[in-house]
Amino acid sequence: MGRALAEAFPAARAVFAEVDEALGEALSRLAFEGPAAELTLTRNAQPALMATSLAAVRAVESLLGRRLADIAGWVAGHSLGEYSALAAAGALSLADAARLLRLRGEAMQQAVPVGEGAMAAILGLQPEAVEAVAAAAAQGEVCELANDNAQGQAVVSGHRQAVERAVALARERGARRAMMLEVSAPFHCALMAPAAERLAGALAEIELAAPAVPLIANVTAAPEEDPERLVELLTRQVTARVRWRESMARMAELGIDRVVELGAGKVLTGLARRGVPGARLFNVQGPEDVERLAEALAADRGESDVPS
């Protein structure tokens, strides 16, 4: 993950070097070479995903000769991606983002004993129906709508037995598909309260600046830019629902006509295809994607070519 970017662009390579220094270990080697089982541990995956996203950002910026924050009107990120978005917008330093995500990953993993929590994807039901399923399945335990990703695509989170009940109940109520997910902890639900408390303490010790452009926040699905408010929302986000469907609807309301996903994977590009209809979509993972986006942005400005 991120290896091709680091090999092709010095600016991307510098991102991984800075993250390694901030964490005091060679996270880049783990990202580039694996093993996958170790990389996917949430304490590693969270800062590694952020580093890969910022490596893509810096690679594009190096070709354009200007910051993406000077081009974009807004930034957004799904769950841990909010830290990447805030770093890209200049609100968080790369080192602070890496250290916060390492702590966030460890705190989320430790908040619930292994095996006690779970998450499940539910497809084909409206958000209100998923909320009703979760409430009915709780039976005194925690079961909540954790990720409202798109119309008919949601994730519930909570105690394992409650989530298993939710899967069965969703099928009974007409879900197209309902399945348990392979995750290390039940993210974005009330069981993460101990992690939110630890993160609040860490956030209080760093300096969060106003982002160059507003963040469309997970918790509110609205543009946010006040630093104190952002700290509050980053803390709440650990236990709160990721309102991604509503965030994309807000993008459409704002008239956003181009959506760029930077980093590993292309899930958000697929969600944007449904959630921000008519928008031009770019997915930036490797060097070719970087060059394609840089050329498109240069063309929008009437520039004949991109600096090499």
Protein backbone atom coordinates (compact mmCIF):
# COMPACT_ATOMS: atom_id res chain seq x y z
CA MET A 1 0.00 0.00 0.00
CA GLY A 2 1.47 3.32 -1.11
CA ARG A 3 4.71 1.79 -2.35
CA ALA A 4 4.28 2.82 -6.00
CA LEU A 5 3.56 6.40 -4.94
CA ALA A 6 6.65 6.54 -2.74
CA GLU A 7 8.83 5.15 -5.53
CA ALA A 8 7.49 7.59 -8.12
CA PHE A 9 7.26 10.85 -6.14
CA PRO A 10 9.79 12.24 -3.63
CA ALA A 11 6.97 14.24 -2.01
CA ALA A 12 5.04 11.03 -1.34
CA ARG A 13 8.17 9.32 -0.02
CA ALA A 14 8.69 12.22 2.38
CA VAL A 15 5.20 11.66 3.84
CA PHE A 16 6.01 8.08 4.81
CA ALA A 17 9.38 9.15 6.22
CA GLU A 18 7.71 11.78 8.41
CA VAL A 19 5.12 9.31 9.66
CA ASP A 20 7.85 6.78 10.45
CA GLU A 21 9.70 9.43 12.45
CA ALA A 22 6.57 10.53 14.31
CA LEU A 23 5.78 6.95 15.36
CA GLY A 24 9.37 5.92 15.97
CA GLU A 25 9.09 2.85 13.77
CA ALA A 26 9.13 1.83 10.10
CA LEU A 27 5.39 1.81 9.45
CA SER A 28 6.20 2.46 5.78
CA ARG A 29 7.91 -0.92 5.47
CA LEU A 30 4.84 -2.61 6.92
CA ALA A 31 2.59 -0.71 4.50
CA PHE A 32 4.78 -1.52 1.49
CA GLU A 33 5.65 -5.14 2.28
CA GLY A 34 3.23 -6.48 4.89
CA PRO A 35 2.52 -8.93 6.34
CA ALA A 36 -1.13 -8.11 5.79
CA ALA A 37 -2.20 -9.59 9.13
CA GLU A 38 -0.02 -7.09 10.95
CA LEU A 39 -0.89 -4.16 8.70
CA THR A 40 -4.61 -4.68 9.21
CA LEU A 41 -4.34 -4.39 13.00
CA THR A 42 -6.23 -1.17 13.62
CA ARG A 43 -3.29 0.46 15.46
CA ASN A 44 -1.28 0.09 12.23
CA ALA A 45 -4.02 0.37 9.63
CA GLN A 46 -5.27 3.77 10.78
CA PRO A 47 -1.97 5.72 10.50
CA ALA A 48 -0.96 3.71 7.41
CA LEU A 49 -4.15 4.58 5.56
CA MET A 50 -3.72 8.23 6.49
CA ALA A 51 -0.10 8.20 5.27
CA THR A 52 -1.14 6.67 1.96
CA SER A 53 -3.85 9.29 1.47
CA LEU A 54 -1.48 12.15 2.26
CA ALA A 55 1.18 10.64 0.01
CA ALA A 56 -1.32 10.85 -2.86
CA VAL A 57 -2.20 14.43 -1.91
CA ARG A 58 1.44 15.52 -1.80
CA ALA A 59 2.19 13.76 -5.10
CA VAL A 60 -0.58 15.68 -6.86
CA GLU A 61 0.52 18.93 -5.24
CA SER A 62 4.11 18.33 -6.38
CA LEU A 63 2.98 18.07 -10.00
CA LEU A 64 0.71 21.10 -9.81
CA GLY A 65 3.02 23.30 -7.80
CA ARG A 66 0.21 24.31 -5.45
CA ARG A 67 -1.79 22.92 -2.54
CA LEU A 68 -4.95 20.94 -3.07
CA ALA A 69 -6.44 23.01 -0.26
CA ASP A 70 -6.09 25.99 -2.61
CA ILE A 71 -8.04 24.13 -5.31
CA ALA A 72 -10.72 22.25 -3.36
CA GLY A 73 -13.77 23.90 -1.88
CA TRP A 74 -14.27 21.31 0.86
CA VAL A 75 -12.67 18.18 2.30
CA ALA A 76 -14.26 15.09 3.84
CA GLY A 77 -13.13 11.73 5.15
CA HIS A 78 -14.87 8.54 6.18
CA SER A 79 -14.16 7.74 9.85
CA LEU A 80 -10.35 7.82 10.26
CA GLY A 81 -10.29 9.59 6.88
CA GLU A 82 -11.32 12.78 8.66
CA TYR A 83 -7.78 12.98 10.04
CA SER A 84 -6.40 12.64 6.51
CA ALA A 85 -8.80 15.33 5.31
CA LEU A 86 -7.83 17.72 8.09
CA ALA A 87 -4.13 17.12 7.46
CA ALA A 88 -4.64 17.78 3.75
CA ALA A 89 -6.43 21.04 4.65
CA GLY A 90 -3.62 22.15 6.96
CA ALA A 91 -5.55 21.83 10.23
CA LEU A 92 -3.43 18.96 11.56
CA SER A 93 0.27 18.35 11.12
CA LEU A 94 1.21 15.04 9.56
CA ALA A 95 3.05 13.99 12.73
CA ASP A 96 0.07 14.84 14.96
CA ALA A 97 -2.32 12.99 12.64
CA ALA A 98 -0.11 9.88 12.75
CA ARG A 99 0.23 9.90 16.54
CA LEU A 100 -3.47 10.56 17.09
CA LEU A 101 -4.46 7.73 14.77
CA ARG A 102 -2.05 5.33 16.45
CA LEU A 103 -3.62 6.19 19.81
CA ARG A 104 -7.13 6.11 18.33
CA GLY A 105 -6.52 2.65 16.88
CA GLU A 106 -5.11 1.29 20.14
CA ALA A 107 -7.87 2.85 22.23
CA MET A 108 -10.63 1.50 19.97
CA GLN A 109 -9.09 -1.97 20.01
CA GLN A 110 -8.79 -1.97 23.81
CA ALA A 111 -12.23 -0.50 24.53
CA VAL A 112 -14.01 -3.86 24.15
CA PRO A 113 -12.56 -7.31 24.92
CA VAL A 114 -11.92 -9.38 21.79
CA GLY A 115 -14.99 -11.36 20.82
CA GLU A 116 -17.51 -9.28 22.74
CA GLY A 117 -18.23 -6.80 19.97
CA ALA A 118 -19.12 -7.10 16.30
CA MET A 119 -20.30 -5.22 13.22
CA ALA A 120 -22.57 -6.29 10.37
CA ALA A 121 -23.43 -4.88 6.96
CA ILE A 122 -27.09 -4.58 6.04
CA LEU A 123 -28.00 -3.98 2.40
CA GLY A 124 -31.32 -3.12 0.87
CA LEU A 125 -33.10 -1.45 3.81
CA GLN A 126 -33.73 2.25 4.32
CA PRO A 127 -31.79 3.95 7.18
CA GLU A 128 -34.92 4.23 9.31
CA ALA A 129 -35.56 0.50 8.89
CA VAL A 130 -31.98 -0.31 9.92
CA GLU A 131 -32.36 1.88 13.01
CA ALA A 132 -35.54 -0.01 13.89
CA VAL A 133 -33.78 -3.35 13.39
CA ALA A 134 -30.90 -2.28 15.64
CA ALA A 135 -33.25 -1.04 18.35
CA ALA A 136 -35.26 -4.25 18.29
CA ALA A 137 -32.14 -6.43 18.33
CA ALA A 138 -30.49 -4.65 21.27
CA GLN A 139 -32.56 -6.29 24.03
CA GLY A 140 -30.65 -4.45 26.75
CA GLU A 141 -27.31 -4.63 24.94
CA VAL A 142 -25.76 -2.16 22.49
CA CYS A 143 -26.74 -2.36 18.83
CA GLU A 144 -26.64 0.84 16.80
CA LEU A 145 -26.56 2.11 13.24
CA ALA A 146 -22.83 2.90 12.95
CA ASN A 147 -22.27 3.70 9.27
CA ASP A 148 -25.00 5.15 7.06
CA ASN A 149 -22.93 4.85 3.89
CA ALA A 150 -25.46 5.14 1.09
CA GLN A 151 -29.10 4.52 0.31
CA GLY A 152 -29.61 0.86 1.17
CA GLN A 153 -26.07 0.34 2.50
CA ALA A 154 -25.54 0.50 6.25
CA VAL A 155 -23.49 -1.06 9.06
CA VAL A 156 -24.62 -1.83 12.60
CA SER A 157 -22.28 -2.16 15.56
CA GLY A 158 -22.47 -3.31 19.18
CA HIS A 159 -22.39 -6.41 21.35
CA ARG A 160 -21.85 -9.54 19.25
CA GLN A 161 -25.06 -11.33 20.24
CA ALA A 162 -27.11 -8.18 19.58
CA VAL A 163 -25.51 -7.70 16.17
CA GLU A 164 -26.17 -11.35 15.33
CA ARG A 165 -29.81 -10.81 16.25
CA ALA A 166 -29.85 -7.73 14.01
CA VAL A 167 -28.58 -9.77 11.06
CA ALA A 168 -31.35 -12.34 11.49
CA LEU A 169 -34.00 -9.68 11.99
CA ALA A 170 -32.84 -7.67 8.96
CA ARG A 171 -33.21 -10.75 6.78
CA GLU A 172 -36.72 -11.30 8.15
CA ARG A 173 -37.61 -7.70 7.33
CA GLY A 174 -36.53 -7.91 3.71
CA ALA A 175 -32.86 -6.95 3.62
CA ARG A 176 -31.26 -7.93 0.33
CA ARG A 177 -28.23 -9.07 2.28
CA ALA A 178 -27.11 -9.02 5.92
CA MET A 179 -23.71 -10.34 6.97
CA MET A 180 -21.28 -10.20 9.85
CA LEU A 181 -18.07 -8.30 9.12
CA GLU A 182 -14.50 -9.30 9.90
CA VAL A 183 -13.51 -6.39 12.14
CA SER A 184 -11.32 -6.08 15.20
CA ALA A 185 -13.77 -4.02 17.28
CA PRO A 186 -17.33 -2.60 17.24
CA PHE A 187 -16.57 0.88 15.91
CA HIS A 188 -18.86 3.93 16.03
CA CYS A 189 -21.16 2.84 18.81
CA ALA A 190 -21.56 3.48 22.55
CA LEU A 191 -19.11 0.68 23.39
CA MET A 192 -16.33 2.95 22.15
CA ALA A 193 -16.86 5.47 24.99
CA PRO A 194 -13.54 4.57 26.71
CA ALA A 195 -11.72 5.20 23.43
CA ALA A 196 -13.44 8.56 23.00
CA GLU A 197 -12.32 9.58 26.49
CA ARG A 198 -8.69 8.69 25.74
CA LEU A 199 -8.80 10.50 22.41
CA ALA A 200 -10.28 13.62 24.00
CA GLY A 201 -7.27 13.80 26.30
CA ALA A 202 -4.86 13.48 23.39
CA LEU A 203 -6.70 16.05 21.28
CA ALA A 204 -6.52 18.52 24.16
CA GLU A 205 -2.74 18.40 23.97
CA ILE A 206 -2.33 19.25 20.29
CA GLU A 207 -2.88 22.45 18.37
CA LEU A 208 -5.60 22.13 15.76
CA ALA A 209 -5.66 25.03 13.31
CA ALA A 210 -8.55 26.24 11.21
CA PRO A 211 -8.55 24.22 7.97
CA ALA A 212 -7.91 26.06 4.71
CA VAL A 213 -11.32 24.81 3.54
CA PRO A 214 -14.26 23.47 5.57
CA LEU A 215 -14.54 19.81 6.54
CA ILE A 216 -17.89 18.14 5.84
CA ALA A 217 -17.97 16.31 9.16
CA ASN A 218 -19.09 12.73 9.78
CA VAL A 219 -21.07 13.62 12.89
CA THR A 220 -23.06 16.53 11.47
CA ALA A 221 -22.87 16.00 7.67
CA ALA A 222 -22.27 19.76 7.54
CA PRO A 223 -19.29 22.01 6.75
CA GLU A 224 -17.26 22.72 9.88
CA GLU A 225 -14.13 24.84 10.30
CA ASP A 226 -13.92 26.18 13.85
CA PRO A 227 -10.97 24.41 15.57
CA GLU A 228 -12.75 23.97 18.93
CA ARG A 229 -15.78 22.56 17.18
CA LEU A 230 -13.60 20.19 15.15
CA VAL A 231 -11.96 18.82 18.30
CA GLU A 232 -15.40 18.20 19.78
CA LEU A 233 -16.56 16.42 16.62
CA LEU A 234 -13.45 14.25 16.35
CA THR A 235 -14.10 13.09 19.91
CA ARG A 236 -17.80 12.44 19.32
CA GLN A 237 -17.07 10.66 16.05
CA VAL A 238 -15.59 7.65 17.89
CA THR A 239 -18.99 6.70 19.29
CA ALA A 240 -21.26 8.43 16.77
CA ARG A 241 -22.73 7.38 13.45
CA VAL A 242 -20.75 8.11 10.29
CA ARG A 243 -23.34 10.07 8.30
CA TRP A 244 -21.74 9.49 4.90
CA ARG A 245 -24.99 9.27 2.91
CA GLU A 246 -26.07 12.62 4.35
CA SER A 247 -22.58 14.05 3.78
CA MET A 248 -22.80 13.21 0.08
CA ALA A 249 -26.28 14.70 -0.09
CA ARG A 250 -24.80 17.87 1.41
CA MET A 251 -22.08 17.81 -1.28
CA ALA A 252 -24.79 17.71 -3.93
CA GLU A 253 -26.65 20.58 -2.23
CA LEU A 254 -23.44 22.62 -2.21
CA GLY A 255 -23.17 22.20 -5.96
CA ILE A 256 -19.97 20.14 -5.82
CA ASP A 257 -19.32 18.87 -9.33
CA ARG A 258 -16.00 17.06 -8.84
CA VAL A 259 -15.15 14.50 -6.15
CA VAL A 260 -11.61 13.18 -5.72
CA GLU A 261 -10.82 10.13 -3.56
CA LEU A 262 -7.13 10.01 -2.61
CA GLY A 263 -5.52 6.97 -1.04
CA ALA A 264 -5.99 3.22 -0.83
CA GLY A 265 -9.13 1.72 -2.36
CA LYS A 266 -12.05 3.06 -4.34
CA VAL A 267 -15.06 2.44 -2.10
CA LEU A 268 -15.81 6.14 -1.62
CA THR A 269 -15.71 6.74 -5.37
CA GLY A 270 -18.42 4.13 -5.80
CA LEU A 271 -20.52 5.71 -3.06
CA ALA A 272 -20.07 9.17 -4.60
CA ARG A 273 -21.31 7.85 -7.95
CA ARG A 274 -24.64 7.24 -6.26
CA GLY A 275 -24.59 10.02 -3.69
CA VAL A 276 -23.36 12.99 -5.76
CA PRO A 277 -25.06 12.36 -9.12
CA GLY A 278 -23.50 14.08 -12.11
CA ALA A 279 -20.19 14.83 -10.39
CA ARG A 280 -16.91 14.08 -12.14
CA LEU A 281 -15.18 11.38 -10.12
CA PHE A 282 -11.45 10.77 -9.72
CA ASN A 283 -9.84 7.93 -7.81
CA VAL A 284 -6.16 8.46 -6.99
CA GLN A 285 -4.21 5.41 -5.81
CA GLY A 286 -1.12 5.04 -8.02
CA PRO A 287 1.24 7.24 -10.06
CA GLU A 288 -0.91 7.04 -13.19
CA ASP A 289 -3.92 8.28 -11.23
CA VAL A 290 -1.87 11.17 -9.85
CA GLU A 291 -0.84 12.24 -13.33
CA ARG A 292 -4.38 11.89 -14.67
CA LEU A 293 -5.81 14.12 -11.93
CA ALA A 294 -3.03 16.69 -12.23
CA GLU A 295 -3.62 16.91 -15.98
CA ALA A 296 -7.37 17.33 -15.47
CA LEU A 297 -6.88 20.07 -12.87
CA ALA A 298 -4.35 21.84 -15.08
CA ALA A 299 -6.76 21.65 -18.02
CA ASP A 300 -9.50 23.22 -15.91
CA ARG A 301 -7.19 26.20 -15.40
CA GLY A 302 -6.33 26.40 -19.08
CA GLU A 303 -2.76 25.27 -18.52
CA SER A 304 -1.21 23.47 -21.48
CA ASP A 305 0.84 21.00 -19.45
CA VAL A 306 1.70 19.85 -15.96
CA PRO A 307 5.17 20.52 -14.49
CA SER A 308 7.28 17.38 -14.39
